[in-house]
Amino acid sequence: MPYQAGSSAQRIRIGLTGLAIAFLLVLLGSVVSRSSRDNASNAAAQAAANEPSEPLAEMGVAPGASGTTNTTNNNSTSK
């Protein structure tokens, strides 16, 4: 095969172009994967926020930690 003047430069250019395309494809795949993972974690966080924090207290089976104090007992003992 006879030596051609621009063949090695053309091969290098084609190789670098292929590497650049492969890099861009991996980058695009990473972005898509990360955005779907973020959406899944946001959905899981919203589902956890909608769940009751004390299910037994909400059903009335066990006492719950309420943020308000019982003012009826305080008023009846002070009279």
Protein backbone atom coordinates (compact mmCIF):
# COMPACT_ATOMS: atom_id res chain seq x y z
CA MET A 1 0.00 0.00 0.00
CA PRO A 2 1.58 3.27 -1.03
CA TYR A 3 2.05 6.02 1.52
CA GLN A 4 -0.38 8.90 1.15
CA ALA A 5 0.50 12.30 2.58
CA GLY A 6 -2.74 13.04 4.47
CA SER A 7 -3.78 9.54 5.55
CA SER A 8 -2.28 9.57 9.07
CA ALA A 9 -3.68 13.02 9.82
CA GLN A 10 -7.08 11.90 8.56
CA ARG A 11 -7.00 8.78 10.75
CA ILE A 12 -6.11 10.85 13.79
CA ARG A 13 -8.91 13.30 13.02
CA ILE A 14 -11.44 10.46 12.61
CA GLY A 15 -10.25 8.81 15.82
CA LEU A 16 -10.52 12.03 17.83
CA THR A 17 -13.96 12.70 16.36
CA GLY A 18 -15.08 9.22 17.42
CA LEU A 19 -13.75 9.76 20.93
CA ALA A 20 -15.56 13.10 21.16
CA ILE A 21 -18.83 11.52 20.03
CA ALA A 22 -18.42 8.67 22.55
CA PHE A 23 -17.72 11.21 25.31
CA LEU A 24 -20.83 13.22 24.41
CA LEU A 25 -22.98 10.08 24.39
CA VAL A 26 -21.73 9.06 27.85
CA LEU A 27 -22.30 12.60 29.12
CA LEU A 28 -25.85 12.62 27.74
CA GLY A 29 -26.56 9.22 29.30
CA SER A 30 -25.28 10.45 32.65
CA VAL A 31 -27.54 13.51 32.53
CA VAL A 32 -30.60 11.41 31.69
CA SER A 33 -29.77 8.89 34.40
CA ARG A 34 -29.23 11.58 37.02
CA SER A 35 -32.48 13.40 36.17
CA SER A 36 -34.50 10.18 36.43
CA ARG A 37 -32.81 9.35 39.74
CA ASP A 38 -33.63 12.84 41.07
CA ASN A 39 -37.26 12.45 40.02
CA ALA A 40 -37.44 9.08 41.78
CA SER A 41 -35.95 10.46 44.99
CA ASN A 42 -38.33 13.44 44.89
CA ALA A 43 -41.28 11.08 44.49
CA ALA A 44 -40.06 8.97 47.41
CA ALA A 45 -39.65 12.08 49.58
CA GLN A 46 -43.16 13.25 48.74
CA ALA A 47 -44.58 9.82 49.51
CA ALA A 48 -42.80 9.78 52.86
CA ALA A 49 -44.11 13.26 53.66
CA ASN A 50 -47.69 12.15 52.96
CA GLU A 51 -47.46 9.15 55.29
CA PRO A 52 -48.70 9.65 58.83
CA SER A 53 -45.94 10.17 61.33
CA GLU A 54 -47.72 8.28 64.13
CA PRO A 55 -50.25 5.90 62.62
CA LEU A 56 -51.32 4.37 65.95
CA ALA A 57 -51.97 7.79 67.45
CA GLU A 58 -54.03 8.80 64.45
CA MET A 59 -56.16 5.67 64.84
CA GLY A 60 -56.57 6.43 68.54
CA VAL A 61 -54.89 3.23 69.71
CA ALA A 62 -51.86 4.85 71.35
CA PRO A 63 -51.24 8.34 72.71
CA GLY A 64 -49.40 10.64 70.36
CA ALA A 65 -46.93 13.41 71.01
CA SER A 66 -49.05 16.47 70.42
CA GLY A 67 -47.63 19.96 70.19
CA THR A 68 -50.50 21.49 72.18
CA THR A 69 -50.91 21.18 75.93
CA ASN A 70 -54.04 19.88 77.54
CA THR A 71 -55.68 23.09 78.76
CA THR A 72 -58.83 21.43 80.13
CA ASN A 73 -56.93 19.68 82.91
CA ASN A 74 -54.99 22.83 83.76
CA ASN A 75 -58.15 24.95 83.98
CA SER A 76 -60.09 22.47 86.10
CA THR A 77 -57.34 22.06 88.71
CA SER A 78 -56.75 25.78 89.11
CA LYS A 79 -60.40 26.60 89.95
